[in-house]
ModelCIF file with pLDDT and N, C-alpha, C, O atoms, coordinates in Angstrom:
data_MODEL
#
_entry.id   MODEL 
#
_entity.id                         1 
_entity.type                       polymer 
_entity.pdbx_number_of_molecules   1 
#
_entity_poly.entity_id                      1 
_entity_poly.type                           'polypeptide(L)' 
_entity_poly.nstd_linkage                   no 
_entity_poly.nstd_monomer                   no 
_entity_poly.pdbx_seq_one_letter_code       AWSMTVNMKIDLSKADQRGTAVGLNEFAGYSGVAVLAAVSGYV 
_entity_poly.pdbx_seq_one_letter_code_can   AWSMTVNMKIDLSKADQRGTAVGLNEFAGYSGVAVLAAVSGYV 
_entity_poly.pdbx_strand_id                 A 
#
loop_
_entity_poly_seq.entity_id 
_entity_poly_seq.num 
_entity_poly_seq.mon_id 
_entity_poly_seq.hetero 
1 1  ALA n 
1 2  TRP n 
1 3  SER n 
1 4  MET n 
1 5  THR n 
1 6  VAL n 
1 7  ASN n 
1 8  MET n 
1 9  LYS n 
1 10 ILE n 
1 11 ASP n 
1 12 LEU n 
1 13 SER n 
1 14 LYS n 
1 15 ALA n 
1 16 ASP n 
1 17 GLN n 
1 18 ARG n 
1 19 GLY n 
1 20 THR n 
1 21 ALA n 
1 22 VAL n 
1 23 GLY n 
1 24 LEU n 
1 25 ASN n 
1 26 GLU n 
1 27 PHE n 
1 28 ALA n 
1 29 GLY n 
1 30 TYR n 
1 31 SER n 
1 32 GLY n 
1 33 VAL n 
1 34 ALA n 
1 35 VAL n 
1 36 LEU n 
1 37 ALA n 
1 38 ALA n 
1 39 VAL n 
1 40 SER n 
1 41 GLY n 
1 42 TYR n 
1 43 VAL n 
#
_struct_asym.id          A 
_struct_asym.entity_id   1 
#
loop_
_ma_qa_metric.id 
_ma_qa_metric.mode 
_ma_qa_metric.name 
_ma_qa_metric.software_group_id 
_ma_qa_metric.type 
1 global pLDDT . pLDDT 
2 local  pLDDT . pLDDT 
#
_ma_qa_metric_global.metric_id      1 
_ma_qa_metric_global.metric_value   88.65 
_ma_qa_metric_global.model_id       1 
_ma_qa_metric_global.ordinal_id     1 
#
loop_
_ma_qa_metric_local.label_asym_id 
_ma_qa_metric_local.label_comp_id 
_ma_qa_metric_local.label_seq_id 
_ma_qa_metric_local.metric_id 
_ma_qa_metric_local.metric_value 
_ma_qa_metric_local.model_id 
_ma_qa_metric_local.ordinal_id 
A ALA 1  2 94.00 1 1  
A TRP 2  2 92.00 1 2  
A SER 3  2 88.00 1 3  
A MET 4  2 92.00 1 4  
A THR 5  2 93.00 1 5  
A VAL 6  2 89.00 1 6  
A ASN 7  2 86.00 1 7  
A MET 8  2 91.00 1 8  
A LYS 9  2 92.00 1 9  
A ILE 10 2 88.00 1 10 
A ASP 11 2 90.00 1 11 
A LEU 12 2 91.00 1 12 
A SER 13 2 90.00 1 13 
A LYS 14 2 87.00 1 14 
A ALA 15 2 80.00 1 15 
A ASP 16 2 83.00 1 16 
A GLN 17 2 88.00 1 17 
A ARG 18 2 85.00 1 18 
A GLY 19 2 86.00 1 19 
A THR 20 2 90.00 1 20 
A ALA 21 2 91.00 1 21 
A VAL 22 2 87.00 1 22 
A GLY 23 2 87.00 1 23 
A LEU 24 2 91.00 1 24 
A ASN 25 2 91.00 1 25 
A GLU 26 2 87.00 1 26 
A PHE 27 2 90.00 1 27 
A ALA 28 2 92.00 1 28 
A GLY 29 2 91.00 1 29 
A TYR 30 2 85.00 1 30 
A SER 31 2 88.00 1 31 
A GLY 32 2 91.00 1 32 
A VAL 33 2 86.00 1 33 
A ALA 34 2 85.00 1 34 
A VAL 35 2 89.00 1 35 
A LEU 36 2 91.00 1 36 
A ALA 37 2 86.00 1 37 
A ALA 38 2 85.00 1 38 
A VAL 39 2 90.00 1 39 
A SER 40 2 89.00 1 40 
A GLY 41 2 85.00 1 41 
A TYR 42 2 89.00 1 42 
A VAL 43 2 91.00 1 43 
#
loop_
_atom_site.group_PDB 
_atom_site.id 
_atom_site.type_symbol 
_atom_site.label_atom_id 
_atom_site.label_alt_id 
_atom_site.label_comp_id 
_atom_site.label_asym_id 
_atom_site.label_entity_id 
_atom_site.label_seq_id 
_atom_site.pdbx_PDB_ins_code 
_atom_site.Cartn_x 
_atom_site.Cartn_y 
_atom_site.Cartn_z 
_atom_site.occupancy 
_atom_site.B_iso_or_equiv 
_atom_site.pdbx_formal_charge 
_atom_site.auth_seq_id 
_atom_site.auth_comp_id 
_atom_site.auth_asym_id 
_atom_site.auth_atom_id 
_atom_site.pdbx_PDB_model_num 
ATOM 1   N N  . ALA A 1 1  ? 0.817  -1.220 0.000   1.00 94.00 ? 1  ALA A N  1 
ATOM 2   C CA . ALA A 1 1  ? 0.000  0.000  0.000   1.00 94.00 ? 1  ALA A CA 1 
ATOM 3   C C  . ALA A 1 1  ? 0.849  1.268  0.000   1.00 94.00 ? 1  ALA A C  1 
ATOM 4   O O  . ALA A 1 1  ? 0.599  2.178  -0.791  1.00 94.00 ? 1  ALA A O  1 
ATOM 5   N N  . TRP A 1 2  ? 1.852  1.338  0.879   1.00 92.00 ? 2  TRP A N  1 
ATOM 6   C CA . TRP A 1 2  ? 2.676  2.550  0.952   1.00 92.00 ? 2  TRP A CA 1 
ATOM 7   C C  . TRP A 1 2  ? 3.503  2.714  -0.321  1.00 92.00 ? 2  TRP A C  1 
ATOM 8   O O  . TRP A 1 2  ? 3.635  3.825  -0.836  1.00 92.00 ? 2  TRP A O  1 
ATOM 9   N N  . SER A 1 3  ? 4.063  1.612  -0.834  1.00 88.00 ? 3  SER A N  1 
ATOM 10  C CA . SER A 1 3  ? 4.836  1.680  -2.080  1.00 88.00 ? 3  SER A CA 1 
ATOM 11  C C  . SER A 1 3  ? 3.998  2.240  -3.217  1.00 88.00 ? 3  SER A C  1 
ATOM 12  O O  . SER A 1 3  ? 4.481  3.043  -4.016  1.00 88.00 ? 3  SER A O  1 
ATOM 13  N N  . MET A 1 4  ? 2.738  1.815  -3.288  1.00 92.00 ? 4  MET A N  1 
ATOM 14  C CA . MET A 1 4  ? 1.901  2.260  -4.401  1.00 92.00 ? 4  MET A CA 1 
ATOM 15  C C  . MET A 1 4  ? 1.488  3.721  -4.266  1.00 92.00 ? 4  MET A C  1 
ATOM 16  O O  . MET A 1 4  ? 1.416  4.435  -5.266  1.00 92.00 ? 4  MET A O  1 
ATOM 17  N N  . THR A 1 5  ? 1.214  4.178  -3.035  1.00 93.00 ? 5  THR A N  1 
ATOM 18  C CA . THR A 1 5  ? 0.825  5.594  -2.905  1.00 93.00 ? 5  THR A CA 1 
ATOM 19  C C  . THR A 1 5  ? 1.971  6.509  -3.334  1.00 93.00 ? 5  THR A C  1 
ATOM 20  O O  . THR A 1 5  ? 1.733  7.540  -3.963  1.00 93.00 ? 5  THR A O  1 
ATOM 21  N N  . VAL A 1 6  ? 3.221  6.140  -2.999  1.00 89.00 ? 6  VAL A N  1 
ATOM 22  C CA . VAL A 1 6  ? 4.337  6.997  -3.393  1.00 89.00 ? 6  VAL A CA 1 
ATOM 23  C C  . VAL A 1 6  ? 4.594  6.910  -4.898  1.00 89.00 ? 6  VAL A C  1 
ATOM 24  O O  . VAL A 1 6  ? 4.858  7.929  -5.536  1.00 89.00 ? 6  VAL A O  1 
ATOM 25  N N  . ASN A 1 7  ? 4.519  5.703  -5.473  1.00 86.00 ? 7  ASN A N  1 
ATOM 26  C CA . ASN A 1 7  ? 4.740  5.570  -6.911  1.00 86.00 ? 7  ASN A CA 1 
ATOM 27  C C  . ASN A 1 7  ? 3.650  6.264  -7.721  1.00 86.00 ? 7  ASN A C  1 
ATOM 28  O O  . ASN A 1 7  ? 3.931  6.861  -8.760  1.00 86.00 ? 7  ASN A O  1 
ATOM 29  N N  . MET A 1 8  ? 2.423  6.187  -7.253  1.00 91.00 ? 8  MET A N  1 
ATOM 30  C CA . MET A 1 8  ? 1.322  6.835  -7.977  1.00 91.00 ? 8  MET A CA 1 
ATOM 31  C C  . MET A 1 8  ? 1.444  8.354  -7.915  1.00 91.00 ? 8  MET A C  1 
ATOM 32  O O  . MET A 1 8  ? 1.124  9.039  -8.886  1.00 91.00 ? 8  MET A O  1 
ATOM 33  N N  . LYS A 1 9  ? 1.900  8.883  -6.793  1.00 92.00 ? 9  LYS A N  1 
ATOM 34  C CA . LYS A 1 9  ? 2.118  10.336 -6.711  1.00 92.00 ? 9  LYS A CA 1 
ATOM 35  C C  . LYS A 1 9  ? 3.228  10.785 -7.657  1.00 92.00 ? 9  LYS A C  1 
ATOM 36  O O  . LYS A 1 9  ? 3.118  11.828 -8.301  1.00 92.00 ? 9  LYS A O  1 
ATOM 37  N N  . ILE A 1 10 ? 4.305  9.987  -7.738  1.00 88.00 ? 10 ILE A N  1 
ATOM 38  C CA . ILE A 1 10 ? 5.399  10.326 -8.650  1.00 88.00 ? 10 ILE A CA 1 
ATOM 39  C C  . ILE A 1 10 ? 4.917  10.238 -10.100 1.00 88.00 ? 10 ILE A C  1 
ATOM 40  O O  . ILE A 1 10 ? 5.316  11.052 -10.933 1.00 88.00 ? 10 ILE A O  1 
ATOM 41  N N  . ASP A 1 11 ? 4.063  9.259  -10.408 1.00 90.00 ? 11 ASP A N  1 
ATOM 42  C CA . ASP A 1 11 ? 3.486  9.150  -11.752 1.00 90.00 ? 11 ASP A CA 1 
ATOM 43  C C  . ASP A 1 11 ? 2.715  10.415 -12.133 1.00 90.00 ? 11 ASP A C  1 
ATOM 44  O O  . ASP A 1 11 ? 2.770  10.868 -13.276 1.00 90.00 ? 11 ASP A O  1 
ATOM 45  N N  . LEU A 1 12 ? 1.999  10.974 -11.163 1.00 91.00 ? 12 LEU A N  1 
ATOM 46  C CA . LEU A 1 12 ? 1.169  12.157 -11.428 1.00 91.00 ? 12 LEU A CA 1 
ATOM 47  C C  . LEU A 1 12 ? 1.967  13.444 -11.524 1.00 91.00 ? 12 LEU A C  1 
ATOM 48  O O  . LEU A 1 12 ? 1.479  14.435 -12.065 1.00 91.00 ? 12 LEU A O  1 
ATOM 49  N N  . SER A 1 13 ? 3.195  13.444 -11.003 1.00 90.00 ? 13 SER A N  1 
ATOM 50  C CA . SER A 1 13 ? 3.962  14.679 -10.816 1.00 90.00 ? 13 SER A CA 1 
ATOM 51  C C  . SER A 1 13 ? 4.964  14.922 -11.940 1.00 90.00 ? 13 SER A C  1 
ATOM 52  O O  . SER A 1 13 ? 5.431  13.991 -12.596 1.00 90.00 ? 13 SER A O  1 
ATOM 53  N N  . LYS A 1 14 ? 5.275  16.190 -12.138 1.00 87.00 ? 14 LYS A N  1 
ATOM 54  C CA . LYS A 1 14 ? 6.372  16.558 -13.033 1.00 87.00 ? 14 LYS A CA 1 
ATOM 55  C C  . LYS A 1 14 ? 7.702  16.253 -12.356 1.00 87.00 ? 14 LYS A C  1 
ATOM 56  O O  . LYS A 1 14 ? 7.755  16.045 -11.144 1.00 87.00 ? 14 LYS A O  1 
ATOM 57  N N  . ALA A 1 15 ? 8.771  16.228 -13.140 1.00 80.00 ? 15 ALA A N  1 
ATOM 58  C CA . ALA A 1 15 ? 10.080 15.850 -12.597 1.00 80.00 ? 15 ALA A CA 1 
ATOM 59  C C  . ALA A 1 15 ? 10.534 16.769 -11.471 1.00 80.00 ? 15 ALA A C  1 
ATOM 60  O O  . ALA A 1 15 ? 11.136 16.313 -10.498 1.00 80.00 ? 15 ALA A O  1 
ATOM 61  N N  . ASP A 1 16 ? 10.244 18.085 -11.602 1.00 83.00 ? 16 ASP A N  1 
ATOM 62  C CA . ASP A 1 16 ? 10.688 19.025 -10.571 1.00 83.00 ? 16 ASP A CA 1 
ATOM 63  C C  . ASP A 1 16 ? 9.685  19.151 -9.420  1.00 83.00 ? 16 ASP A C  1 
ATOM 64  O O  . ASP A 1 16 ? 9.793  20.059 -8.596  1.00 83.00 ? 16 ASP A O  1 
ATOM 65  N N  . GLN A 1 17 ? 8.705  18.231 -9.368  1.00 88.00 ? 17 GLN A N  1 
ATOM 66  C CA . GLN A 1 17 ? 7.740  18.197 -8.260  1.00 88.00 ? 17 GLN A CA 1 
ATOM 67  C C  . GLN A 1 17 ? 7.866  16.920 -7.428  1.00 88.00 ? 17 GLN A C  1 
ATOM 68  O O  . GLN A 1 17 ? 7.077  16.702 -6.508  1.00 88.00 ? 17 GLN A O  1 
ATOM 69  N N  . ARG A 1 18 ? 8.840  16.084 -7.741  1.00 85.00 ? 18 ARG A N  1 
ATOM 70  C CA . ARG A 1 18 ? 8.914  14.773 -7.100  1.00 85.00 ? 18 ARG A CA 1 
ATOM 71  C C  . ARG A 1 18 ? 9.236  14.867 -5.614  1.00 85.00 ? 18 ARG A C  1 
ATOM 72  O O  . ARG A 1 18 ? 8.672  14.128 -4.808  1.00 85.00 ? 18 ARG A O  1 
ATOM 73  N N  . GLY A 1 19 ? 10.136 15.771 -5.251  1.00 86.00 ? 19 GLY A N  1 
ATOM 74  C CA . GLY A 1 19 ? 10.432 15.956 -3.836  1.00 86.00 ? 19 GLY A CA 1 
ATOM 75  C C  . GLY A 1 19 ? 9.197  16.395 -3.075  1.00 86.00 ? 19 GLY A C  1 
ATOM 76  O O  . GLY A 1 19 ? 8.933  15.918 -1.971  1.00 86.00 ? 19 GLY A O  1 
ATOM 77  N N  . THR A 1 20 ? 8.445  17.301 -3.669  1.00 90.00 ? 20 THR A N  1 
ATOM 78  C CA . THR A 1 20 ? 7.197  17.774 -3.053  1.00 90.00 ? 20 THR A CA 1 
ATOM 79  C C  . THR A 1 20 ? 6.198  16.627 -2.933  1.00 90.00 ? 20 THR A C  1 
ATOM 80  O O  . THR A 1 20 ? 5.552  16.461 -1.899  1.00 90.00 ? 20 THR A O  1 
ATOM 81  N N  . ALA A 1 21 ? 6.078  15.839 -4.002  1.00 91.00 ? 21 ALA A N  1 
ATOM 82  C CA . ALA A 1 21 ? 5.124  14.718 -4.012  1.00 91.00 ? 21 ALA A CA 1 
ATOM 83  C C  . ALA A 1 21 ? 5.452  13.693 -2.943  1.00 91.00 ? 21 ALA A C  1 
ATOM 84  O O  . ALA A 1 21 ? 4.577  13.260 -2.193  1.00 91.00 ? 21 ALA A O  1 
ATOM 85  N N  . VAL A 1 22 ? 6.730  13.306 -2.878  1.00 87.00 ? 22 VAL A N  1 
ATOM 86  C CA . VAL A 1 22 ? 7.135  12.312 -1.885  1.00 87.00 ? 22 VAL A CA 1 
ATOM 87  C C  . VAL A 1 22 ? 7.020  12.891 -0.479  1.00 87.00 ? 22 VAL A C  1 
ATOM 88  O O  . VAL A 1 22 ? 6.626  12.191 0.454   1.00 87.00 ? 22 VAL A O  1 
ATOM 89  N N  . GLY A 1 23 ? 7.365  14.180 -0.326  1.00 87.00 ? 23 GLY A N  1 
ATOM 90  C CA . GLY A 1 23 ? 7.243  14.826 0.974   1.00 87.00 ? 23 GLY A CA 1 
ATOM 91  C C  . GLY A 1 23 ? 5.826  14.809 1.494   1.00 87.00 ? 23 GLY A C  1 
ATOM 92  O O  . GLY A 1 23 ? 5.602  14.538 2.674   1.00 87.00 ? 23 GLY A O  1 
ATOM 93  N N  . LEU A 1 24 ? 4.866  15.094 0.637   1.00 91.00 ? 24 LEU A N  1 
ATOM 94  C CA . LEU A 1 24 ? 3.456  15.070 1.036   1.00 91.00 ? 24 LEU A CA 1 
ATOM 95  C C  . LEU A 1 24 ? 3.002  13.646 1.368   1.00 91.00 ? 24 LEU A C  1 
ATOM 96  O O  . LEU A 1 24 ? 2.236  13.429 2.307   1.00 91.00 ? 24 LEU A O  1 
ATOM 97  N N  . ASN A 1 25 ? 3.486  12.683 0.585   1.00 91.00 ? 25 ASN A N  1 
ATOM 98  C CA . ASN A 1 25 ? 3.136  11.287 0.849   1.00 91.00 ? 25 ASN A CA 1 
ATOM 99  C C  . ASN A 1 25 ? 3.641  10.849 2.219   1.00 91.00 ? 25 ASN A C  1 
ATOM 100 O O  . ASN A 1 25 ? 2.902  10.256 3.005   1.00 91.00 ? 25 ASN A O  1 
ATOM 101 N N  . GLU A 1 26 ? 4.918  11.151 2.496   1.00 87.00 ? 26 GLU A N  1 
ATOM 102 C CA . GLU A 1 26 ? 5.516  10.724 3.759   1.00 87.00 ? 26 GLU A CA 1 
ATOM 103 C C  . GLU A 1 26 ? 4.962  11.526 4.932   1.00 87.00 ? 26 GLU A C  1 
ATOM 104 O O  . GLU A 1 26 ? 4.829  11.002 6.038   1.00 87.00 ? 26 GLU A O  1 
ATOM 105 N N  . PHE A 1 27 ? 4.637  12.808 4.689   1.00 90.00 ? 27 PHE A N  1 
ATOM 106 C CA . PHE A 1 27 ? 3.994  13.619 5.728   1.00 90.00 ? 27 PHE A CA 1 
ATOM 107 C C  . PHE A 1 27 ? 2.694  12.964 6.179   1.00 90.00 ? 27 PHE A C  1 
ATOM 108 O O  . PHE A 1 27 ? 2.425  12.833 7.373   1.00 90.00 ? 27 PHE A O  1 
ATOM 109 N N  . ALA A 1 28 ? 1.901  12.561 5.205   1.00 92.00 ? 28 ALA A N  1 
ATOM 110 C CA . ALA A 1 28 ? 0.617  11.940 5.534   1.00 92.00 ? 28 ALA A CA 1 
ATOM 111 C C  . ALA A 1 28 ? 0.817  10.621 6.270   1.00 92.00 ? 28 ALA A C  1 
ATOM 112 O O  . ALA A 1 28 ? 0.173  10.366 7.287   1.00 92.00 ? 28 ALA A O  1 
ATOM 113 N N  . GLY A 1 29 ? 1.718  9.781  5.749   1.00 91.00 ? 29 GLY A N  1 
ATOM 114 C CA . GLY A 1 29 ? 1.935  8.470  6.356   1.00 91.00 ? 29 GLY A CA 1 
ATOM 115 C C  . GLY A 1 29 ? 2.431  8.567  7.782   1.00 91.00 ? 29 GLY A C  1 
ATOM 116 O O  . GLY A 1 29 ? 1.925  7.874  8.664   1.00 91.00 ? 29 GLY A O  1 
ATOM 117 N N  . TYR A 1 30 ? 3.419  9.423  8.020   1.00 85.00 ? 30 TYR A N  1 
ATOM 118 C CA . TYR A 1 30 ? 3.997  9.506  9.355   1.00 85.00 ? 30 TYR A CA 1 
ATOM 119 C C  . TYR A 1 30 ? 3.168  10.363 10.307  1.00 85.00 ? 30 TYR A C  1 
ATOM 120 O O  . TYR A 1 30 ? 3.314  10.259 11.525  1.00 85.00 ? 30 TYR A O  1 
ATOM 121 N N  . SER A 1 31 ? 2.306  11.203 9.759   1.00 88.00 ? 31 SER A N  1 
ATOM 122 C CA . SER A 1 31 ? 1.309  11.851 10.606  1.00 88.00 ? 31 SER A CA 1 
ATOM 123 C C  . SER A 1 31 ? 0.342  10.803 11.140  1.00 88.00 ? 31 SER A C  1 
ATOM 124 O O  . SER A 1 31 ? -0.065 10.850 12.301  1.00 88.00 ? 31 SER A O  1 
ATOM 125 N N  . GLY A 1 32 ? -0.019 9.860  10.281  1.00 91.00 ? 32 GLY A N  1 
ATOM 126 C CA . GLY A 1 32 ? -0.862 8.752  10.725  1.00 91.00 ? 32 GLY A CA 1 
ATOM 127 C C  . GLY A 1 32 ? -0.179 7.914  11.795  1.00 91.00 ? 32 GLY A C  1 
ATOM 128 O O  . GLY A 1 32 ? -0.808 7.511  12.773  1.00 91.00 ? 32 GLY A O  1 
ATOM 129 N N  . VAL A 1 33 ? 1.126  7.649  11.605  1.00 86.00 ? 33 VAL A N  1 
ATOM 130 C CA . VAL A 1 33 ? 1.887  6.918  12.619  1.00 86.00 ? 33 VAL A CA 1 
ATOM 131 C C  . VAL A 1 33 ? 1.850  7.662  13.952  1.00 86.00 ? 33 VAL A C  1 
ATOM 132 O O  . VAL A 1 33 ? 1.590  7.069  14.999  1.00 86.00 ? 33 VAL A O  1 
ATOM 133 N N  . ALA A 1 34 ? 2.113  8.972  13.899  1.00 85.00 ? 34 ALA A N  1 
ATOM 134 C CA . ALA A 1 34 ? 2.201  9.772  15.124  1.00 85.00 ? 34 ALA A CA 1 
ATOM 135 C C  . ALA A 1 34 ? 0.871  9.853  15.861  1.00 85.00 ? 34 ALA A C  1 
ATOM 136 O O  . ALA A 1 34 ? 0.804  9.635  17.071  1.00 85.00 ? 34 ALA A O  1 
ATOM 137 N N  . VAL A 1 35 ? -0.182 10.167 15.122  1.00 89.00 ? 35 VAL A N  1 
ATOM 138 C CA . VAL A 1 35 ? -1.500 10.336 15.748  1.00 89.00 ? 35 VAL A CA 1 
ATOM 139 C C  . VAL A 1 35 ? -1.949 9.041  16.414  1.00 89.00 ? 35 VAL A C  1 
ATOM 140 O O  . VAL A 1 35 ? -2.428 9.053  17.548  1.00 89.00 ? 35 VAL A O  1 
ATOM 141 N N  . LEU A 1 36 ? -1.794 7.930  15.709  1.00 91.00 ? 36 LEU A N  1 
ATOM 142 C CA . LEU A 1 36 ? -2.262 6.664  16.278  1.00 91.00 ? 36 LEU A CA 1 
ATOM 143 C C  . LEU A 1 36 ? -1.326 6.134  17.362  1.00 91.00 ? 36 LEU A C  1 
ATOM 144 O O  . LEU A 1 36 ? -1.764 5.383  18.233  1.00 91.00 ? 36 LEU A O  1 
ATOM 145 N N  . ALA A 1 37 ? -0.041 6.512  17.325  1.00 86.00 ? 37 ALA A N  1 
ATOM 146 C CA . ALA A 1 37 ? 0.855  6.144  18.431  1.00 86.00 ? 37 ALA A CA 1 
ATOM 147 C C  . ALA A 1 37 ? 0.386  6.813  19.715  1.00 86.00 ? 37 ALA A C  1 
ATOM 148 O O  . ALA A 1 37 ? 0.366  6.193  20.779  1.00 86.00 ? 37 ALA A O  1 
ATOM 149 N N  . ALA A 1 38 ? 0.006  8.093  19.605  1.00 85.00 ? 38 ALA A N  1 
ATOM 150 C CA . ALA A 1 38 ? -0.491 8.811  20.786  1.00 85.00 ? 38 ALA A CA 1 
ATOM 151 C C  . ALA A 1 38 ? -1.861 8.297  21.210  1.00 85.00 ? 38 ALA A C  1 
ATOM 152 O O  . ALA A 1 38 ? -2.108 8.091  22.398  1.00 85.00 ? 38 ALA A O  1 
ATOM 153 N N  . VAL A 1 39 ? -2.746 8.091  20.248  1.00 90.00 ? 39 VAL A N  1 
ATOM 154 C CA . VAL A 1 39 ? -4.104 7.626  20.556  1.00 90.00 ? 39 VAL A CA 1 
ATOM 155 C C  . VAL A 1 39 ? -4.068 6.231  21.179  1.00 90.00 ? 39 VAL A C  1 
ATOM 156 O O  . VAL A 1 39 ? -4.757 5.971  22.165  1.00 90.00 ? 39 VAL A O  1 
ATOM 157 N N  . SER A 1 40 ? -3.266 5.337  20.604  1.00 89.00 ? 40 SER A N  1 
ATOM 158 C CA . SER A 1 40 ? -3.203 3.971  21.136  1.00 89.00 ? 40 SER A CA 1 
ATOM 159 C C  . SER A 1 40 ? -2.609 3.957  22.536  1.00 89.00 ? 40 SER A C  1 
ATOM 160 O O  . SER A 1 40 ? -3.022 3.161  23.379  1.00 89.00 ? 40 SER A O  1 
ATOM 161 N N  . GLY A 1 41 ? -1.627 4.848  22.791  1.00 85.00 ? 41 GLY A N  1 
ATOM 162 C CA . GLY A 1 41 ? -1.071 4.957  24.133  1.00 85.00 ? 41 GLY A CA 1 
ATOM 163 C C  . GLY A 1 41 ? -2.109 5.425  25.134  1.00 85.00 ? 41 GLY A C  1 
ATOM 164 O O  . GLY A 1 41 ? -2.181 4.920  26.255  1.00 85.00 ? 41 GLY A O  1 
ATOM 165 N N  . TYR A 1 42 ? -2.919 6.400  24.717  1.00 89.00 ? 42 TYR A N  1 
ATOM 166 C CA . TYR A 1 42 ? -3.986 6.905  25.604  1.00 89.00 ? 42 TYR A CA 1 
ATOM 167 C C  . TYR A 1 42 ? -5.047 5.826  25.849  1.00 89.00 ? 42 TYR A C  1 
ATOM 168 O O  . TYR A 1 42 ? -5.469 5.609  26.984  1.00 89.00 ? 42 TYR A O  1 
ATOM 169 N N  . VAL A 1 43 ? -5.471 5.157  24.780  1.00 91.00 ? 43 VAL A N  1 
ATOM 170 C CA . VAL A 1 43 ? -6.499 4.120  24.916  1.00 91.00 ? 43 VAL A CA 1 
ATOM 171 C C  . VAL A 1 43 ? -5.982 2.974  25.781  1.00 91.00 ? 43 VAL A C  1 
ATOM 172 O O  . VAL A 1 43 ? -6.703 2.003  26.013  1.00 91.00 ? 43 VAL A O  1 
#
């Protein structure tokens, strides 16, 4: 799943937008990691 979201974003992006595309992908993924790490700890 994670491999495909990053590859699909790169497919959609121009060459000089790839850093931005991957950055947004990883921002979303690791925001999910962070939020649920805190939530699961609280629960």
